[in-house]
């Protein structure tokens, strides 16, 4: 189990990975549904923050 600074670094790495991997997608999806850039930014930020706050890594397989 990670403690202190190691845990903080791990959370920062996971946060960066989530934003880099899913940030644009979250923003595009939110904008498509909401039609407002400001609202889409708020919603996508909320979603990413909730994923970052999870205690387990998030993995998703997207299919087309």
C-alpha atoms as a PDB file:
ATOM      1  CA  UNK A   1       0.000   0.000   0.000  1.00  0.00           C
ATOM      2  CA  UNK A   2       1.303   3.424  -0.951  1.00  0.00           C
ATOM      3  CA  UNK A   3       1.691   6.091   1.702  1.00  0.00           C
ATOM      4  CA  UNK A   4       2.227   9.822   1.860  1.00  0.00           C
ATOM      5  CA  UNK A   5       4.149  11.264  -1.052  1.00  0.00           C
ATOM      6  CA  UNK A   6       4.116   8.012  -3.023  1.00  0.00           C
ATOM      7  CA  UNK A   7       0.311   7.939  -2.877  1.00  0.00           C
ATOM      8  CA  UNK A   8       0.124  11.601  -3.850  1.00  0.00           C
ATOM      9  CA  UNK A   9       2.381  11.016  -6.859  1.00  0.00           C
ATOM     10  CA  UNK A  10       0.321   8.003  -7.906  1.00  0.00           C
ATOM     11  CA  UNK A  11      -2.898  10.038  -7.714  1.00  0.00           C
ATOM     12  CA  UNK A  12      -1.294  12.810  -9.777  1.00  0.00           C
ATOM     13  CA  UNK A  13      -0.139  10.307 -12.417  1.00  0.00           C
ATOM     14  CA  UNK A  14      -3.595   8.735 -12.589  1.00  0.00           C
ATOM     15  CA  UNK A  15      -5.228  12.175 -12.809  1.00  0.00           C
ATOM     16  CA  UNK A  16      -2.957  13.207 -15.677  1.00  0.00           C
ATOM     17  CA  UNK A  17      -3.605   9.905 -17.463  1.00  0.00           C
ATOM     18  CA  UNK A  18      -7.370  10.315 -17.165  1.00  0.00           C
ATOM     19  CA  UNK A  19      -7.306  13.899 -18.412  1.00  0.00           C
ATOM     20  CA  UNK A  20      -4.959  13.067 -21.286  1.00  0.00           C
ATOM     21  CA  UNK A  21      -6.901   9.971 -22.289  1.00  0.00           C
ATOM     22  CA  UNK A  22     -10.521  11.017 -21.755  1.00  0.00           C
ATOM     23  CA  UNK A  23     -10.570  14.816 -21.417  1.00  0.00           C
ATOM     24  CA  UNK A  24     -11.306  15.640 -25.051  1.00  0.00           C
ATOM     25  CA  UNK A  25     -13.847  12.849 -25.354  1.00  0.00           C
ATOM     26  CA  UNK A  26     -15.665  13.956 -22.195  1.00  0.00           C
ATOM     27  CA  UNK A  27     -15.751  17.538 -23.464  1.00  0.00           C
ATOM     28  CA  UNK A  28     -17.040  16.561 -26.930  1.00  0.00           C
ATOM     29  CA  UNK A  29     -19.752  14.306 -25.529  1.00  0.00           C
ATOM     30  CA  UNK A  30     -20.892  16.905 -23.017  1.00  0.00           C
ATOM     31  CA  UNK A  31     -20.962  19.623 -25.689  1.00  0.00           C
ATOM     32  CA  UNK A  32     -22.944  17.388 -28.038  1.00  0.00           C
ATOM     33  CA  UNK A  33     -25.630  16.878 -25.394  1.00  0.00           C
ATOM     34  CA  UNK A  34     -25.615  20.334 -23.814  1.00  0.00           C
ATOM     35  CA  UNK A  35     -24.810  22.661 -26.719  1.00  0.00           C
ATOM     36  CA  UNK A  36     -23.030  25.087 -24.392  1.00  0.00           C
ATOM     37  CA  UNK A  37     -19.246  25.202 -24.112  1.00  0.00           C
ATOM     38  CA  UNK A  38     -19.362  26.507 -20.527  1.00  0.00           C
ATOM     39  CA  UNK A  39     -21.770  23.792 -19.387  1.00  0.00           C
ATOM     40  CA  UNK A  40     -19.762  21.138 -21.225  1.00  0.00           C
ATOM     41  CA  UNK A  41     -16.568  22.273 -19.495  1.00  0.00           C
ATOM     42  CA  UNK A  42     -18.298  22.120 -16.104  1.00  0.00           C
ATOM     43  CA  UNK A  43     -19.757  18.660 -16.700  1.00  0.00           C
ATOM     44  CA  UNK A  44     -16.578  17.154 -18.148  1.00  0.00           C
ATOM     45  CA  UNK A  45     -14.539  18.579 -15.263  1.00  0.00           C
ATOM     46  CA  UNK A  46     -17.000  17.149 -12.728  1.00  0.00           C
ATOM     47  CA  UNK A  47     -16.870  13.715 -14.354  1.00  0.00           C
ATOM     48  CA  UNK A  48     -13.068  13.662 -14.493  1.00  0.00           C
ATOM     49  CA  UNK A  49     -12.819  14.840 -10.869  1.00  0.00           C
ATOM     50  CA  UNK A  50     -15.121  12.026  -9.759  1.00  0.00           C
ATOM     51  CA  UNK A  51     -13.013   9.484 -11.642  1.00  0.00           C
ATOM     52  CA  UNK A  52      -9.827  10.897 -10.109  1.00  0.00           C
ATOM     53  CA  UNK A  53     -11.362  10.678  -6.628  1.00  0.00           C
ATOM     54  CA  UNK A  54     -11.947   6.935  -7.053  1.00  0.00           C
ATOM     55  CA  UNK A  55      -9.585   4.717  -5.135  1.00  0.00           C
ATOM     56  CA  UNK A  56      -9.086   2.288  -8.009  1.00  0.00           C
ATOM     57  CA  UNK A  57      -7.642   3.001 -11.448  1.00  0.00           C
ATOM     58  CA  UNK A  58     -10.163   3.589 -14.235  1.00  0.00           C
ATOM     59  CA  UNK A  59      -9.819   1.509 -17.382  1.00  0.00           C
ATOM     60  CA  UNK A  60     -12.220   1.676 -20.277  1.00  0.00           C
ATOM     61  CA  UNK A  61     -12.313  -0.078 -23.626  1.00  0.00           C
ATOM     62  CA  UNK A  62     -13.935   2.075 -26.276  1.00  0.00           C
ATOM     63  CA  UNK A  63     -15.305   0.388 -29.366  1.00  0.00           C
ATOM     64  CA  UNK A  64     -16.421   1.949 -32.597  1.00  0.00           C
END
